[in-house]
Amino acid sequence: MNAVLILLPLALMLGALFAGFFLAAAKQGQFEDLDDPPVRLLHDED
């Protein structure tokens, strides 16, 4: 039972940390253009 008292808050803190990282990345626009880079490889501009 003591492990639950340690691991549960730790898991919640890690989850909140990663959610914060995700929201910060989404706010900076890192997930806006997911389709263009793979297609850009197919177009040869030379």
Protein backbone atom coordinates (compact mmCIF):
# COMPACT_ATOMS: atom_id res chain seq x y z
CA MET A 1 0.00 0.00 0.00
CA ASN A 2 2.92 2.35 0.61
CA ALA A 3 4.01 1.99 -3.01
CA VAL A 4 0.64 3.31 -4.19
CA LEU A 5 1.07 6.42 -2.05
CA ILE A 6 4.37 7.13 -3.78
CA LEU A 7 3.68 5.97 -7.34
CA LEU A 8 0.25 7.54 -7.82
CA PRO A 9 1.36 11.15 -7.21
CA LEU A 10 4.50 10.51 -9.25
CA ALA A 11 2.44 9.23 -12.18
CA LEU A 12 0.07 12.20 -11.94
CA MET A 13 2.98 14.65 -11.90
CA LEU A 14 4.62 13.00 -14.93
CA GLY A 15 1.31 13.01 -16.78
CA ALA A 16 0.82 16.71 -16.03
CA LEU A 17 4.39 17.44 -17.12
CA PHE A 18 3.99 15.68 -20.47
CA ALA A 19 0.58 17.29 -21.00
CA GLY A 20 2.23 20.67 -20.41
CA PHE A 21 4.96 19.86 -22.94
CA PHE A 22 2.34 18.80 -25.47
CA LEU A 23 0.26 21.94 -24.96
CA ALA A 24 3.35 24.14 -25.28
CA ALA A 25 4.34 22.42 -28.53
CA ALA A 26 0.79 22.73 -29.88
CA LYS A 27 0.72 26.42 -28.95
CA GLN A 28 3.97 26.98 -30.87
CA GLY A 29 2.42 25.40 -33.97
CA GLN A 30 4.59 22.30 -34.28
CA PHE A 31 1.62 20.14 -35.28
CA GLU A 32 0.03 22.41 -37.89
CA ASP A 33 1.58 21.06 -41.10
CA LEU A 34 1.93 17.29 -40.83
CA ASP A 35 1.08 16.44 -44.46
CA ASP A 36 3.39 18.73 -46.42
CA PRO A 37 6.89 17.46 -45.40
CA PRO A 38 6.38 13.86 -46.63
CA VAL A 39 4.88 15.12 -49.90
CA ARG A 40 7.73 17.61 -50.30
CA LEU A 41 10.16 14.69 -50.57
CA LEU A 42 8.31 13.42 -53.64
CA HIS A 43 8.62 16.68 -55.58
CA ASP A 44 12.03 17.06 -57.15
CA GLU A 45 12.85 20.75 -57.62
CA ASP A 46 16.14 20.20 -59.45
